[in-house]
Amino acid sequence: MRSPTEQSPRSATRQGDRRRRAVSVAAALAVGVMTLGVLAPPAASDSAAPATAAAAGPDAVQRALNTLVRDDGMPAALASVKDRNGRARTYTAGVGDLTTGAKVPRDGQVRIGSNTKAFTAVVVLQLVGEGKIDLDAFVDTYLPGLVRGEGIDGSRITVRQLLQHTSGLPEYGVHLDDDEIRNRYFEPRELLDLALEHPADAEPGETWGYSNTNYVLAGLIVQKVTGRPLAEEMDRRIIKRIGLRHTYFPAPGEMTVREPHPRGYHRSPEDGPLRDFTEMDPSAGWAAGQLISTNSDLNRFFTALLAGRLLPAVQLAEMRTTVPVGTSGLRYGLGLTSRTLSCGGVYWGHGGDIAGYETRGGATDDGRAANVAVTSIPTDEAAVRHVGEAVDRALCS
């Protein structure tokens, strides 16, 4: 899995060919928080643009998507943008299926990878507000004796450190290869056990380090406290509550995408050919990266979150209390990130990668929101930068 700063999590052991394969897969599982591809000219369109605007040429967001397809080799790019008055636009570029040349479904469903972490964090923080979880309690309070390993002790790691990636726990994703991720169903405990075979990356609270293991544990805590599956809690507490009509947690063994969607493509190794990765078992992501959604639903989610519709003010303030991520300007809270905008201020979101798809975006405090998806994980710095620029243009236009 790729971290928000484009650095693969450190592997404590396995080297050689398996390590090189795993780094590619790791990037595909979850989902960082940065910025973010051409077999045919972009089939660009803007559903809300008047004819006069179209005659004058594509706007800044459309141009950004066109660049992602024409210059960066993304098969397709999609965006949904909402202004502070609630007016929404959707955009597409490229083709939805490289084999058939089918159009990109407008606001189609995509796998949203580590945006799932924001949903998981909201459920945890709702339970904090209900007095069922204490952010500064140790993991052992809820999962006694479960988290043990070399330099790893659940009696010294807090729930807050899980949500903020300051636990020091090792990443499990770098020890999985493409075939395992695509075709195998993983129980959450299997993912945790895989991580615990390796030494801690750091002492708890010592430093920030992106690890999907943190969110597997957060999901297990939710299940232990509520006595219900994480997917049901997420559906009841978030998805139905704010009317996310195109967002769902795939059921065990569900490898397809339910609604109209662009097909997702993956390069492994990173300099290899694109492979259709649309159908896959997403369980290796679970609480860290399993959700499917649309750009518009993500806009609704982050807007509702910042407006206080999902969390009490105290818990929302905790979620927005951030630590720096390197020197990138990105800051990480509790399952929520902030990034500066070229037009001033910041936007709040997360971002996500999973084999076949990358999504970036978020919302501002004054009600603007934008999310951009591409149908292959960028493998070079220019493409990564161009995805981020697309989000910035959407929020600053």
Protein backbone atom coordinates (compact mmCIF):
# COMPACT_ATOMS: atom_id res chain seq x y z
CA MET A 1 0.00 0.00 0.00
CA ARG A 2 1.19 3.46 -0.77
CA SER A 3 1.35 6.05 1.92
CA PRO A 4 0.18 9.64 1.49
CA THR A 5 3.71 10.75 0.77
CA GLU A 6 4.27 8.23 -2.03
CA GLN A 7 6.57 6.17 0.16
CA SER A 8 5.94 2.47 0.45
CA PRO A 9 5.79 1.29 4.08
CA ARG A 10 9.03 -0.22 5.31
CA SER A 11 9.24 -3.98 5.21
CA ALA A 12 10.99 -5.52 8.16
CA THR A 13 11.94 -8.77 6.46
CA ARG A 14 11.28 -10.37 3.07
CA GLN A 15 13.43 -9.06 0.28
CA GLY A 16 14.11 -9.99 -3.35
CA ASP A 17 11.48 -10.61 -6.00
CA ARG A 18 8.60 -11.04 -3.55
CA ARG A 19 9.42 -7.69 -1.97
CA ARG A 20 9.40 -5.94 -5.37
CA ARG A 21 6.05 -7.50 -6.27
CA ALA A 22 4.62 -6.59 -2.89
CA VAL A 23 5.51 -2.92 -3.18
CA SER A 24 3.40 -2.69 -6.34
CA VAL A 25 0.52 -4.46 -4.65
CA ALA A 26 0.87 -2.36 -1.56
CA ALA A 27 0.40 0.73 -3.63
CA ALA A 28 -2.70 -0.85 -5.08
CA LEU A 29 -4.40 -1.68 -1.81
CA ALA A 30 -4.74 1.48 -0.09
CA VAL A 31 -4.57 4.41 -0.57
CA GLY A 32 -2.77 7.33 0.31
CA VAL A 33 -3.64 10.87 0.43
CA MET A 34 -1.71 12.69 -2.17
CA THR A 35 -2.38 13.94 -5.57
CA LEU A 36 -2.82 11.94 -8.25
CA GLY A 37 -3.51 8.13 -17.64
CA VAL A 38 -3.53 6.97 -23.89
CA LEU A 39 -4.92 4.65 -25.89
CA ALA A 40 -7.50 6.97 -27.43
CA PRO A 41 -8.24 10.70 -27.30
CA PRO A 42 -10.40 11.67 -24.33
CA ALA A 43 -14.14 11.51 -24.80
CA ALA A 44 -14.52 14.65 -22.73
CA SER A 45 -17.84 15.96 -21.54
CA ASP A 46 -19.42 18.12 -18.83
CA SER A 47 -23.04 17.34 -18.09
CA ALA A 48 -23.79 20.74 -16.60
CA ALA A 49 -21.88 22.99 -19.00
CA PRO A 50 -24.05 25.23 -21.19
CA ALA A 51 -23.55 25.19 -24.97
CA THR A 52 -21.80 28.57 -24.90
CA ALA A 53 -19.23 27.30 -22.45
CA ALA A 54 -18.64 24.19 -24.54
CA ALA A 55 -18.09 26.34 -27.61
CA ALA A 56 -15.47 28.33 -25.76
CA GLY A 57 -13.59 25.13 -24.92
CA PRO A 58 -13.38 22.88 -21.86
CA ASP A 59 -13.07 24.42 -18.42
CA ALA A 60 -10.15 23.93 -16.04
CA VAL A 61 -11.43 20.67 -14.58
CA GLN A 62 -12.10 19.14 -17.98
CA ARG A 63 -8.66 20.18 -19.19
CA ALA A 64 -7.11 18.55 -16.13
CA LEU A 65 -8.91 15.27 -16.84
CA ASN A 66 -7.94 15.44 -20.50
CA THR A 67 -4.29 15.78 -19.44
CA LEU A 68 -4.55 12.71 -17.23
CA VAL A 69 -5.74 10.66 -20.20
CA ARG A 70 -3.71 12.23 -23.02
CA ASP A 71 -0.38 12.79 -21.25
CA ASP A 72 -0.41 10.40 -18.29
CA GLY A 73 -1.90 7.29 -19.87
CA MET A 74 -4.93 6.96 -17.63
CA PRO A 75 -7.60 4.90 -19.43
CA ALA A 76 -10.30 7.11 -17.90
CA ALA A 77 -10.72 10.00 -15.50
CA LEU A 78 -13.89 11.09 -13.72
CA ALA A 79 -14.72 14.05 -11.49
CA SER A 80 -17.62 15.44 -9.54
CA VAL A 81 -17.53 19.04 -8.32
CA LYS A 82 -19.94 20.89 -6.02
CA ASP A 83 -19.75 24.63 -5.42
CA ARG A 84 -20.62 26.40 -2.18
CA ASN A 85 -24.18 26.95 -3.44
CA GLY A 86 -24.75 23.25 -3.96
CA ARG A 87 -24.52 23.28 -7.75
CA ALA A 88 -22.88 20.09 -9.00
CA ARG A 89 -21.05 19.13 -12.19
CA THR A 90 -19.73 15.79 -13.34
CA TYR A 91 -16.94 15.27 -15.86
CA THR A 92 -15.42 12.35 -17.76
CA ALA A 93 -12.46 11.77 -20.07
CA GLY A 94 -11.07 8.70 -21.81
CA VAL A 95 -12.82 5.38 -22.30
CA GLY A 96 -14.58 3.17 -19.78
CA ASP A 97 -13.47 -0.12 -21.32
CA LEU A 98 -10.25 -0.47 -23.30
CA THR A 99 -11.50 -3.62 -25.03
CA THR A 100 -14.86 -2.36 -26.26
CA GLY A 101 -14.19 1.39 -26.29
CA ALA A 102 -17.34 1.95 -24.22
CA LYS A 103 -17.94 5.43 -22.84
CA VAL A 104 -17.06 6.31 -19.25
CA PRO A 105 -20.23 6.12 -17.15
CA ARG A 106 -20.95 9.56 -15.75
CA ASP A 107 -20.30 9.52 -12.01
CA GLY A 108 -19.68 5.79 -12.26
CA GLN A 109 -18.88 3.63 -9.27
CA VAL A 110 -15.23 3.01 -8.42
CA ARG A 111 -13.34 1.23 -5.68
CA ILE A 112 -12.37 4.05 -3.30
CA GLY A 113 -9.58 2.32 -1.38
CA SER A 114 -8.37 4.17 1.68
CA ASN A 115 -11.17 6.69 1.65
CA THR A 116 -12.69 3.80 3.60
CA LYS A 117 -10.48 4.85 6.50
CA ALA A 118 -12.43 8.08 6.91
CA PHE A 119 -15.65 6.06 7.20
CA THR A 120 -14.10 3.68 9.73
CA ALA A 121 -12.76 6.60 11.76
CA VAL A 122 -16.21 8.23 11.81
CA VAL A 123 -17.77 5.04 13.22
CA VAL A 124 -15.07 4.84 15.91
CA LEU A 125 -15.57 8.51 16.82
CA GLN A 126 -19.34 8.10 16.97
CA LEU A 127 -18.75 5.33 19.50
CA VAL A 128 -16.40 7.65 21.38
CA GLY A 129 -19.22 10.22 21.54
CA GLU A 130 -21.54 7.51 22.88
CA GLY A 131 -19.06 6.66 25.64
CA LYS A 132 -18.37 3.18 24.28
CA ILE A 133 -14.77 3.79 23.19
CA ASP A 134 -12.10 6.00 24.76
CA LEU A 135 -9.64 7.49 22.26
CA ASP A 136 -6.83 7.34 24.79
CA ALA A 137 -7.57 3.84 26.02
CA PHE A 138 -5.15 1.12 25.01
CA VAL A 139 -6.02 -1.44 22.36
CA ASP A 140 -5.87 -4.13 25.04
CA THR A 141 -8.90 -2.53 26.70
CA TYR A 142 -11.03 -3.83 23.82
CA LEU A 143 -8.93 -6.63 22.33
CA PRO A 144 -7.01 -8.01 25.32
CA GLY A 145 -3.84 -9.89 24.47
CA LEU A 146 -4.48 -9.83 20.72
CA VAL A 147 -1.77 -7.41 19.61
CA ARG A 148 1.61 -8.87 20.46
CA GLY A 149 4.81 -9.21 18.46
CA GLU A 150 8.41 -8.12 18.25
CA GLY A 151 8.38 -4.62 19.76
CA ILE A 152 4.55 -4.70 19.59
CA ASP A 153 2.31 -4.56 22.65
CA GLY A 154 -1.37 -3.67 22.55
CA SER A 155 -1.19 -2.50 26.17
CA ARG A 156 0.96 0.43 24.98
CA ILE A 157 -0.90 1.48 21.78
CA THR A 158 -3.94 3.75 22.02
CA VAL A 159 -7.01 3.95 19.81
CA ARG A 160 -6.01 7.50 18.88
CA GLN A 161 -2.62 6.26 17.67
CA LEU A 162 -4.35 3.71 15.43
CA LEU A 163 -6.52 6.35 13.77
CA GLN A 164 -3.61 8.78 13.34
CA HIS A 165 -1.02 6.25 12.14
CA THR A 166 1.31 6.90 15.05
CA SER A 167 1.14 3.39 16.53
CA GLY A 168 4.36 2.10 14.98
CA LEU A 169 2.58 -1.04 13.75
CA PRO A 170 4.03 -2.69 10.64
CA GLU A 171 2.16 -2.79 7.31
CA TYR A 172 0.75 -6.10 6.13
CA GLY A 173 0.14 -5.14 2.48
CA VAL A 174 3.77 -5.31 1.41
CA HIS A 175 3.71 -9.04 2.11
CA LEU A 176 0.91 -9.83 -0.35
CA ASP A 177 1.20 -10.33 -4.10
CA ASP A 178 -1.26 -9.58 -6.90
CA ASP A 179 -2.78 -13.05 -7.15
CA GLU A 180 -3.37 -13.22 -3.42
CA ILE A 181 -5.05 -9.84 -3.33
CA ARG A 182 -7.16 -10.37 -6.42
CA ASN A 183 -8.45 -13.87 -5.79
CA ARG A 184 -8.24 -14.68 -2.10
CA TYR A 185 -10.70 -13.86 0.66
CA PHE A 186 -9.00 -12.62 3.83
CA GLU A 187 -10.52 -12.56 7.29
CA PRO A 188 -9.47 -9.41 9.17
CA ARG A 189 -7.62 -11.51 11.74
CA GLU A 190 -5.51 -13.03 8.94
CA LEU A 191 -4.42 -9.53 7.88
CA LEU A 192 -3.53 -8.66 11.46
CA ASP A 193 -1.63 -11.91 11.98
CA LEU A 194 0.38 -11.25 8.81
CA ALA A 195 1.42 -7.84 10.15
CA LEU A 196 2.32 -9.23 13.57
CA GLU A 197 4.83 -11.63 12.01
CA HIS A 198 7.06 -8.57 11.56
CA PRO A 199 8.71 -6.17 14.00
CA ALA A 200 7.29 -2.81 14.96
CA ASP A 201 8.31 0.09 12.74
CA ALA A 202 8.59 2.47 15.71
CA GLU A 203 7.63 2.98 19.32
CA PRO A 204 3.98 3.99 19.85
CA GLY A 205 3.59 7.74 19.49
CA GLU A 206 7.15 8.21 18.26
CA THR A 207 6.47 9.10 14.64
CA TRP A 208 3.84 9.14 11.89
CA GLY A 209 3.88 6.08 9.63
CA TYR A 210 1.08 4.97 7.31
CA SER A 211 -0.05 1.42 8.04
CA ASN A 212 -3.29 -0.25 7.02
CA THR A 213 -2.86 -2.53 10.03
CA ASN A 214 -4.03 0.36 12.21
CA TYR A 215 -7.44 0.41 10.55
CA VAL A 216 -7.89 -3.35 10.59
CA LEU A 217 -7.52 -3.06 14.36
CA ALA A 218 -9.91 -0.10 14.49
CA GLY A 219 -12.50 -2.17 12.61
CA LEU A 220 -12.02 -5.10 14.99
CA ILE A 221 -12.58 -2.75 17.94
CA VAL A 222 -15.83 -1.51 16.39
CA GLN A 223 -17.03 -5.09 16.02
CA LYS A 224 -16.04 -6.02 19.56
CA VAL A 225 -17.75 -2.99 21.10
CA THR A 226 -20.95 -3.13 19.05
CA GLY A 227 -21.29 -6.88 18.58
CA ARG A 228 -22.11 -6.23 14.90
CA PRO A 229 -20.16 -6.50 11.64
CA LEU A 230 -18.28 -3.36 10.66
CA ALA A 231 -20.11 -3.25 7.31
CA GLU A 232 -23.48 -3.10 9.07
CA GLU A 233 -22.36 -0.36 11.43
CA MET A 234 -20.95 1.67 8.55
CA ASP A 235 -24.15 1.24 6.56
CA ARG A 236 -26.42 2.18 9.47
CA ARG A 237 -24.38 5.00 10.94
CA ILE A 238 -23.15 6.71 7.76
CA ILE A 239 -24.38 5.42 4.41
CA LYS A 240 -28.11 5.35 5.15
CA ARG A 241 -27.97 8.27 7.55
CA ILE A 242 -26.82 10.79 4.95
CA GLY A 243 -28.30 9.12 1.89
CA LEU A 244 -25.28 7.75 0.06
CA ARG A 245 -27.18 5.89 -2.65
CA HIS A 246 -24.18 4.48 -4.51
CA THR A 247 -21.86 3.53 -1.65
CA TYR A 248 -21.56 0.04 -0.20
CA PHE A 249 -19.24 -2.38 1.55
CA PRO A 250 -18.89 -5.44 -0.73
CA ALA A 251 -20.09 -8.67 0.82
CA PRO A 252 -17.67 -11.55 1.43
CA GLY A 253 -16.72 -13.06 -1.91
CA GLU A 254 -18.29 -10.22 -3.94
CA MET A 255 -15.78 -9.44 -6.68
CA THR A 256 -17.85 -7.32 -9.08
CA VAL A 257 -18.95 -3.67 -9.01
CA ARG A 258 -22.74 -3.46 -8.81
CA GLU A 259 -23.63 -0.31 -10.76
CA PRO A 260 -22.34 1.29 -13.99
CA HIS A 261 -18.59 1.75 -13.68
CA PRO A 262 -15.45 2.26 -15.72
CA ARG A 263 -13.20 -0.77 -15.77
CA GLY A 264 -10.08 -0.54 -13.62
CA TYR A 265 -6.57 -1.37 -14.83
CA HIS A 266 -3.40 -2.21 -12.96
CA ARG A 267 0.30 -2.35 -13.82
CA SER A 268 2.37 -4.97 -12.03
CA PRO A 269 5.28 -4.54 -12.27
CA GLU A 270 4.95 -0.78 -12.49
CA ASP A 271 6.52 -0.71 -15.95
CA GLY A 272 4.40 -3.62 -17.21
CA PRO A 273 1.27 -3.58 -19.39
CA LEU A 274 -2.15 -2.56 -18.11
CA ARG A 275 -4.22 -5.53 -16.90
CA ASP A 276 -7.96 -5.43 -16.30
CA PHE A 277 -8.35 -5.63 -12.51
CA THR A 278 -12.02 -4.64 -12.25
CA GLU A 279 -13.13 -7.92 -10.71
CA MET A 280 -11.25 -8.64 -7.52
CA ASP A 281 -11.81 -9.67 -3.93
CA PRO A 282 -11.34 -6.43 -1.92
CA SER A 283 -11.15 -8.11 1.49
CA ALA A 284 -7.41 -7.42 1.78
CA GLY A 285 -8.46 -3.81 2.32
CA TRP A 286 -11.38 -4.38 4.76
CA ALA A 287 -11.70 -1.46 7.22
CA ALA A 288 -8.72 0.18 5.52
CA GLY A 289 -9.88 0.05 1.91
CA GLN A 290 -12.89 -2.08 0.87
CA LEU A 291 -15.65 0.43 0.03
CA ILE A 292 -17.13 1.15 -3.41
CA SER A 293 -18.65 4.57 -4.09
CA THR A 294 -18.90 7.44 -6.58
CA ASN A 295 -17.26 10.85 -6.67
CA SER A 296 -20.61 12.50 -5.93
CA ASP A 297 -21.23 10.29 -2.90
CA LEU A 298 -17.74 11.08 -1.61
CA ASN A 299 -18.53 14.79 -1.97
CA ARG A 300 -21.73 14.27 0.01
CA PHE A 301 -19.88 12.32 2.70
CA PHE A 302 -17.08 14.84 3.28
CA THR A 303 -19.49 17.78 3.12
CA ALA A 304 -21.79 16.18 5.69
CA LEU A 305 -18.83 15.33 7.89
CA LEU A 306 -17.48 18.89 7.96
CA ALA A 307 -21.00 20.27 8.52
CA GLY A 308 -21.33 18.27 11.74
CA ARG A 309 -23.99 15.88 10.47
CA LEU A 310 -22.03 12.76 11.39
CA LEU A 311 -20.13 13.65 14.55
CA PRO A 312 -20.64 15.80 17.64
CA ALA A 313 -18.48 18.94 17.67
CA VAL A 314 -16.01 17.52 20.20
CA GLN A 315 -15.32 14.39 18.15
CA LEU A 316 -15.12 16.33 14.88
CA ALA A 317 -12.52 18.60 16.47
CA GLU A 318 -10.52 15.52 17.49
CA MET A 319 -10.74 14.19 13.94
CA ARG A 320 -9.41 17.49 12.59
CA THR A 321 -6.46 17.63 15.00
CA THR A 322 -3.55 16.84 12.69
CA VAL A 323 0.12 15.98 12.62
CA PRO A 324 2.45 16.79 9.69
CA VAL A 325 3.22 14.17 7.06
CA GLY A 326 6.84 14.80 6.15
CA THR A 327 7.44 18.08 4.35
CA SER A 328 4.63 17.67 1.81
CA GLY A 329 2.26 20.15 3.46
CA LEU A 330 -0.19 17.32 4.02
CA ARG A 331 -1.44 16.86 7.57
CA TYR A 332 -3.15 13.77 8.99
CA GLY A 333 -5.84 13.80 11.65
CA LEU A 334 -7.95 10.85 12.74
CA GLY A 335 -8.77 9.29 9.38
CA LEU A 336 -8.96 12.74 7.81
CA THR A 337 -6.31 14.82 6.05
CA SER A 338 -5.89 18.49 5.24
CA ARG A 339 -4.09 19.92 2.23
CA THR A 340 -3.53 23.53 1.24
CA LEU A 341 -5.19 25.01 -1.84
CA SER A 342 -3.52 27.29 -4.36
CA CYS A 343 -6.38 29.78 -3.90
CA GLY A 344 -5.97 29.84 -0.12
CA GLY A 345 -7.27 27.75 2.73
CA VAL A 346 -7.35 23.97 2.92
CA TYR A 347 -9.57 21.10 1.96
CA TRP A 348 -10.32 18.05 4.07
CA GLY A 349 -10.54 14.52 2.71
CA HIS A 350 -8.49 11.35 2.51
CA GLY A 351 -7.84 9.64 -0.82
CA GLY A 352 -7.48 6.07 -1.86
CA ASP A 353 -5.72 3.55 -4.12
CA ILE A 354 -6.69 -0.01 -4.83
CA ALA A 355 -5.62 -2.02 -7.85
CA GLY A 356 -7.44 -0.46 -10.80
CA TYR A 357 -8.52 2.83 -9.26
CA GLU A 358 -7.26 5.95 -7.52
CA THR A 359 -9.44 8.65 -5.96
CA ARG A 360 -8.45 12.04 -4.54
CA GLY A 361 -10.45 14.95 -3.20
CA GLY A 362 -12.40 16.35 -0.30
CA ALA A 363 -14.38 19.34 0.89
CA THR A 364 -13.84 22.81 2.31
CA ASP A 365 -15.43 24.38 5.35
CA ASP A 366 -17.47 26.73 3.14
CA GLY A 367 -19.22 23.85 1.35
CA ARG A 368 -17.14 23.30 -1.80
CA ALA A 369 -16.35 19.69 -2.64
CA ALA A 370 -14.56 17.82 -5.41
CA ASN A 371 -13.39 14.28 -6.03
CA VAL A 372 -11.39 12.92 -8.95
CA ALA A 373 -10.99 9.25 -9.89
CA VAL A 374 -8.67 7.62 -12.41
CA THR A 375 -8.84 4.01 -13.57
CA SER A 376 -5.23 3.04 -12.97
CA ILE A 377 -2.88 3.93 -10.14
CA PRO A 378 -0.36 6.51 -11.41
CA THR A 379 3.18 5.16 -11.50
CA ASP A 380 5.14 8.36 -12.12
CA GLU A 381 5.47 11.68 -10.33
CA ALA A 382 3.93 13.75 -13.13
CA ALA A 383 0.69 11.75 -13.12
CA VAL A 384 0.51 11.88 -9.34
CA ARG A 385 0.94 15.64 -9.47
CA HIS A 386 -1.68 16.03 -12.20
CA VAL A 387 -4.35 14.27 -10.14
CA GLY A 388 -3.70 16.65 -7.26
CA GLU A 389 -3.81 19.61 -9.62
CA ALA A 390 -7.19 18.43 -10.93
CA VAL A 391 -8.59 18.50 -7.40
CA ASP A 392 -7.06 21.92 -6.75
CA ARG A 393 -8.53 23.35 -9.96
CA ALA A 394 -11.94 21.93 -9.15
CA LEU A 395 -11.99 23.53 -5.71
CA CYS A 396 -10.41 26.84 -6.81
CA SER A 397 -12.24 27.46 -10.10
